[in-house]
Protein backbone atom coordinates (compact mmCIF):
# COMPACT_ATOMS: atom_id res chain seq x y z
CA MET A 1 9.59 6.47 24.72
CA LYS A 2 5.97 6.43 25.66
CA LEU A 3 3.15 8.32 23.56
CA ILE A 4 0.55 10.31 25.07
CA HIS A 5 -2.96 9.62 24.59
CA ASN A 6 -4.73 11.92 27.06
CA PHE A 7 -5.78 14.38 24.40
CA LYS A 8 -7.70 13.22 21.11
CA SER A 9 -8.78 15.48 18.22
CA PRO A 10 -12.34 14.98 16.88
CA ASN A 11 -11.25 16.23 13.42
CA PHE A 12 -11.04 13.41 11.31
CA ASN A 13 -12.50 10.60 9.37
CA ASP A 14 -12.05 7.64 7.61
CA ARG A 15 -9.47 6.76 4.88
CA LYS A 16 -10.58 5.42 1.76
CA SER A 17 -7.90 2.95 1.77
CA ASN A 18 -4.96 1.67 4.56
CA ASN A 19 -2.27 2.55 1.96
CA ILE A 20 -0.06 5.00 3.92
CA GLU A 21 2.44 6.48 1.60
CA ILE A 22 3.62 9.85 3.02
CA ILE A 23 4.46 11.47 6.16
CA VAL A 24 4.08 15.49 6.41
CA ILE A 25 5.94 17.55 8.57
CA HIS A 26 4.46 20.92 9.98
CA TYR A 27 4.91 23.36 12.86
CA THR A 28 1.93 24.90 14.74
CA ALA A 29 3.03 28.65 14.72
CA LEU A 30 1.51 28.54 18.04
CA SER A 31 3.27 29.71 21.29
CA SER A 32 3.02 26.87 23.72
CA ILE A 33 2.24 23.07 23.41
CA SER A 34 -1.21 23.67 25.78
CA LYS A 35 -2.28 26.10 22.99
CA SER A 36 -1.61 23.53 20.34
CA LEU A 37 -3.29 20.81 22.04
CA LYS A 38 -6.49 23.35 22.41
CA TYR A 39 -6.49 24.37 18.96
CA LEU A 40 -5.82 20.90 17.39
CA CYS A 41 -8.60 19.22 19.90
CA SER A 42 -11.12 21.91 19.00
CA LYS A 43 -13.79 20.70 16.86
CA LYS A 44 -14.80 24.16 15.69
CA ASN A 45 -11.17 24.60 14.18
CA LYS A 46 -11.47 21.55 11.76
CA VAL A 47 -8.02 20.75 11.49
CA SER A 48 -5.86 18.08 13.39
CA SER A 49 -2.63 15.81 12.96
CA HIS A 50 -2.00 12.33 13.88
CA TYR A 51 0.74 13.45 16.34
CA LEU A 52 2.27 16.33 18.15
CA ILE A 53 5.68 16.79 19.54
CA SER A 54 6.34 19.25 22.46
CA GLN A 55 9.59 21.13 22.82
CA THR A 56 10.31 18.61 25.62
CA GLY A 57 10.26 15.61 23.58
CA LYS A 58 7.00 14.47 24.30
CA ILE A 59 4.60 12.67 21.73
CA TYR A 60 0.98 13.17 21.76
CA SER A 61 -1.28 10.59 19.77
CA LEU A 62 -4.09 12.95 18.94
CA VAL A 63 -5.77 10.49 15.94
CA SER A 64 -5.44 7.17 15.22
CA GLU A 65 -3.13 6.30 12.24
CA LYS A 66 -6.22 4.24 11.06
CA LYS A 67 -7.85 7.59 10.54
CA ARG A 68 -7.63 10.27 7.85
CA ALA A 69 -6.76 13.34 10.05
CA TRP A 70 -7.09 16.89 8.64
CA HIS A 71 -3.67 18.45 8.40
CA ALA A 72 -2.71 18.66 4.98
CA GLY A 73 -5.56 20.69 3.22
CA GLN A 74 -5.21 21.48 -0.09
CA SER A 75 -2.18 19.66 -1.42
CA TYR A 76 -0.51 17.72 -4.22
CA TRP A 77 2.39 15.33 -4.34
CA ARG A 78 3.36 13.17 -7.54
CA GLY A 79 -0.32 13.18 -8.98
CA ASN A 80 -2.05 12.78 -5.41
CA THR A 81 -4.31 15.73 -4.42
CA ASP A 82 -5.88 13.82 -1.48
CA ILE A 83 -2.69 13.63 0.83
CA ASN A 84 -4.35 13.51 3.96
CA ALA A 85 -5.88 9.93 2.57
CA ILE A 86 -2.51 8.31 2.14
CA SER A 87 -0.51 10.31 4.74
CA ILE A 88 0.55 10.83 8.61
CA GLY A 89 0.74 14.32 9.68
CA ILE A 90 3.22 15.22 12.74
CA GLU A 91 2.68 18.88 14.05
CA LEU A 92 5.89 20.29 15.82
CA ASP A 93 5.65 22.53 18.74
CA TYR A 94 7.21 25.39 17.27
CA SER A 95 6.58 29.09 16.35
CA PRO A 96 9.32 31.49 14.39
CA SER A 97 7.81 34.22 16.20
CA GLU A 98 7.69 32.92 19.73
CA THR A 99 9.73 31.79 22.53
CA ASN A 100 9.50 28.31 21.28
CA ASN A 101 11.38 29.19 18.15
CA LYS A 102 14.08 26.32 18.16
CA PHE A 103 13.98 22.92 16.88
CA SER A 104 15.24 21.43 20.48
CA LEU A 105 17.37 18.54 21.08
CA LYS A 106 14.62 16.71 22.77
CA LEU A 107 12.04 17.75 20.23
CA ASN A 108 14.52 16.27 17.34
CA SER A 109 14.96 13.15 19.34
CA ALA A 110 11.36 12.37 19.62
CA LEU A 111 10.98 13.00 15.99
CA VAL A 112 13.55 10.74 15.07
CA PHE A 113 12.11 8.15 17.31
CA LEU A 114 8.70 8.50 15.84
CA LEU A 115 9.89 8.56 12.02
CA LYS A 116 11.88 5.27 12.91
CA LYS A 117 8.74 3.53 14.14
CA LEU A 118 6.46 4.81 11.26
CA LEU A 119 9.05 4.02 8.33
CA LYS A 120 9.64 0.59 9.76
CA LYS A 121 5.76 0.20 10.37
CA TYR A 122 4.45 1.49 6.85
CA LYS A 123 7.56 1.07 4.83
CA ILE A 124 7.52 4.36 3.61
CA SER A 125 9.96 5.69 1.24
CA ILE A 126 12.38 8.47 2.65
CA LYS A 127 11.68 10.48 -0.67
CA ASN A 128 8.00 10.72 0.92
CA ILE A 129 9.02 12.09 4.21
CA LEU A 130 7.83 15.95 3.42
CA ALA A 131 7.47 19.21 4.48
CA HIS A 132 4.14 21.11 4.59
CA SER A 133 5.60 23.35 2.06
CA ASP A 134 6.58 20.76 -0.27
CA ILE A 135 2.99 19.63 -0.72
CA ALA A 136 1.36 23.00 -0.55
CA PRO A 137 3.99 25.67 -1.78
CA TYR A 138 1.89 28.41 -2.57
CA ARG A 139 0.09 28.37 0.88
CA LYS A 140 2.52 27.14 3.43
CA ILE A 141 6.16 27.49 4.34
CA ASP A 142 6.38 25.01 7.47
CA PRO A 143 8.56 23.82 8.95
CA GLY A 144 10.48 26.30 7.65
CA LYS A 145 14.08 27.12 6.41
CA HIS A 146 15.41 26.29 9.90
CA PHE A 147 14.14 23.00 10.06
CA PRO A 148 17.08 20.32 10.62
CA TRP A 149 16.66 18.22 7.56
CA GLU A 150 20.37 17.36 7.72
CA LEU A 151 19.77 15.62 10.72
CA LEU A 152 16.91 13.34 9.31
CA GLU A 153 18.91 12.82 6.23
CA SER A 154 22.05 11.46 8.13
CA LYS A 155 19.90 9.07 9.99
CA LYS A 156 18.43 7.89 6.57
CA LEU A 157 15.08 9.42 7.58
CA SER A 158 14.80 11.80 4.91
CA TYR A 159 16.00 11.85 1.04
CA LYS A 160 19.30 13.07 0.53
CA ILE A 161 20.35 14.21 -2.88
CA ASN A 162 23.43 12.27 -3.91
CA ALA A 163 26.06 13.49 -6.13
CA ILE A 164 25.84 12.09 -9.76
CA ASN A 165 28.92 10.41 -11.50
CA ARG A 166 28.26 12.23 -15.05
CA LEU A 167 29.50 8.85 -16.49
CA ASP A 168 26.21 7.42 -15.55
CA VAL A 169 24.42 10.26 -17.74
CA ASN A 170 24.33 11.08 -21.29
CA ASN A 171 24.40 14.91 -20.92
CA LYS A 172 23.94 15.47 -24.70
CA LEU A 173 20.71 13.03 -24.99
CA ILE A 174 19.10 15.12 -22.06
CA LYS A 175 19.72 18.49 -23.91
CA GLU A 176 18.30 17.00 -26.96
CA TRP A 177 15.26 15.76 -25.16
CA PHE A 178 14.58 19.15 -23.48
CA ASP A 179 15.07 20.76 -27.16
CA LYS A 180 12.79 18.39 -28.62
CA ASN A 181 10.07 18.93 -25.97
CA LYS A 182 10.65 22.87 -26.27
CA PHE A 183 11.84 23.25 -22.77
CA SER A 184 13.82 26.30 -24.13
CA SER A 185 14.17 28.23 -20.87
CA ILE A 186 15.87 27.44 -17.66
CA LYS A 187 12.42 28.26 -15.70
CA LYS A 188 10.58 25.70 -17.66
CA LYS A 189 13.38 22.93 -17.52
CA ILE A 190 13.19 23.58 -13.51
CA LEU A 191 9.44 23.38 -13.37
CA PHE A 192 9.62 19.99 -15.52
CA MET A 193 12.09 18.36 -13.10
CA LEU A 194 10.29 19.70 -10.30
CA ASN A 195 7.06 18.18 -11.36
CA VAL A 196 8.65 15.05 -12.06
CA ILE A 197 10.16 14.94 -8.51
CA GLY A 198 6.76 15.46 -7.28
CA TYR A 199 5.79 19.24 -6.62
CA ASP A 200 2.92 20.95 -7.76
CA THR A 201 4.25 23.28 -10.51
CA SER A 202 0.72 24.32 -11.93
CA LEU A 203 0.85 27.98 -10.87
CA ALA A 204 4.49 28.86 -11.06
CA LEU A 205 4.61 28.84 -15.08
CA LYS A 206 3.03 32.02 -15.59
CA ASN A 207 3.27 33.88 -12.10
CA LYS A 208 6.66 34.91 -11.11
CA ILE A 209 5.27 35.09 -7.25
CA TYR A 210 4.05 31.74 -7.59
CA PHE A 211 7.33 30.34 -9.08
CA ASP A 212 9.46 32.25 -6.53
CA GLN A 213 7.16 30.57 -3.72
CA LEU A 214 7.87 27.24 -5.04
CA ILE A 215 11.55 27.78 -5.54
CA ASN A 216 11.57 28.88 -1.77
CA ALA A 217 9.78 25.69 -0.69
CA TYR A 218 12.23 23.40 -2.55
CA SER A 219 15.00 25.36 -1.23
CA SER A 220 14.21 25.46 2.39
CA HIS A 221 13.99 21.48 2.48
CA TYR A 222 17.10 21.28 0.17
CA LYS A 223 18.99 23.89 1.55
CA ILE A 224 20.35 25.42 -1.70
CA TYR A 225 20.87 28.86 -0.34
CA LYS A 226 20.56 31.00 2.78
CA ASN A 227 18.41 33.99 3.27
CA TYR A 228 16.38 33.05 0.48
CA TYR A 229 18.51 34.91 -1.96
CA TYR A 230 19.10 32.69 -4.90
CA ASN A 231 20.96 32.05 -8.05
CA LYS A 232 18.93 30.70 -10.91
CA LYS A 233 21.66 28.60 -12.63
CA LYS A 234 22.79 27.38 -9.12
CA ILE A 235 19.04 26.22 -8.25
CA PHE A 236 19.20 24.67 -11.86
CA ASP A 237 22.09 22.56 -11.25
CA VAL A 238 20.84 21.23 -7.82
CA ILE A 239 17.32 20.33 -9.14
CA GLU A 240 18.90 18.67 -12.04
CA VAL A 241 21.41 16.36 -10.08
CA HIS A 242 18.12 15.59 -7.98
CA PHE A 243 16.25 14.77 -10.98
CA LEU A 244 18.75 12.89 -12.19
CA ASN A 245 18.95 10.97 -8.88
CA ILE A 246 15.20 10.08 -9.50
CA ILE A 247 15.52 8.94 -13.06
CA LEU A 248 18.58 6.95 -12.60
CA THR A 249 16.92 5.16 -9.48
CA LYS A 250 14.13 4.47 -11.81
CA ASN A 251 15.99 3.04 -14.44
CA LYS A 252 17.54 0.54 -11.74
CA LYS A 253 14.45 -1.16 -11.01
């Protein structure tokens, strides 16, 4: 699959290092590929991505991978606040309110091709294949609740939460640890675990709107519930298994 290099965005600067750790998936929220190209390549908009994928599966290379494209904005993941410096941004020609409101087979196939190429080239962990809403949950919702994360998971191009064998986990010890550190409520436990996973939880502790936005971001990626109605206990259970996946993986290293 060939990349198209005919369009270039002026919106980039130098990376501080060559360490690329994250891939961020976005959607354009514009009605066509031509409008997306025009927007991302306009100097006045001060926004760009490294790649743009059309509904027909064409992959446009807009910014060199060596450069810091301006796609993430104010964002956070696992302590990093300059996500643009350590990431590659991929925009998808998709808008939930326009006619290009499907993640087409050709678009998905092109995305799979590109992710395979980038993961191999930079040895990026599948834990760091992220939604824009993962790194900016209080500002962004893309690529949205209809994005086919299951497809990427099936091809080992995105992190999948694995079932936990409870024999591997000391539940009493975890409960005692939460109690000792005064994580008395389900909400506080959820926020602690989401922060360990990687999310910015700073605004969610004291503000229900922000808490809901954070839960929506997590849920649209990991498909906990449909139509954004959720049960706090169910969400706790899923996040706890995700959290334990992370902890157990670290302990095996």
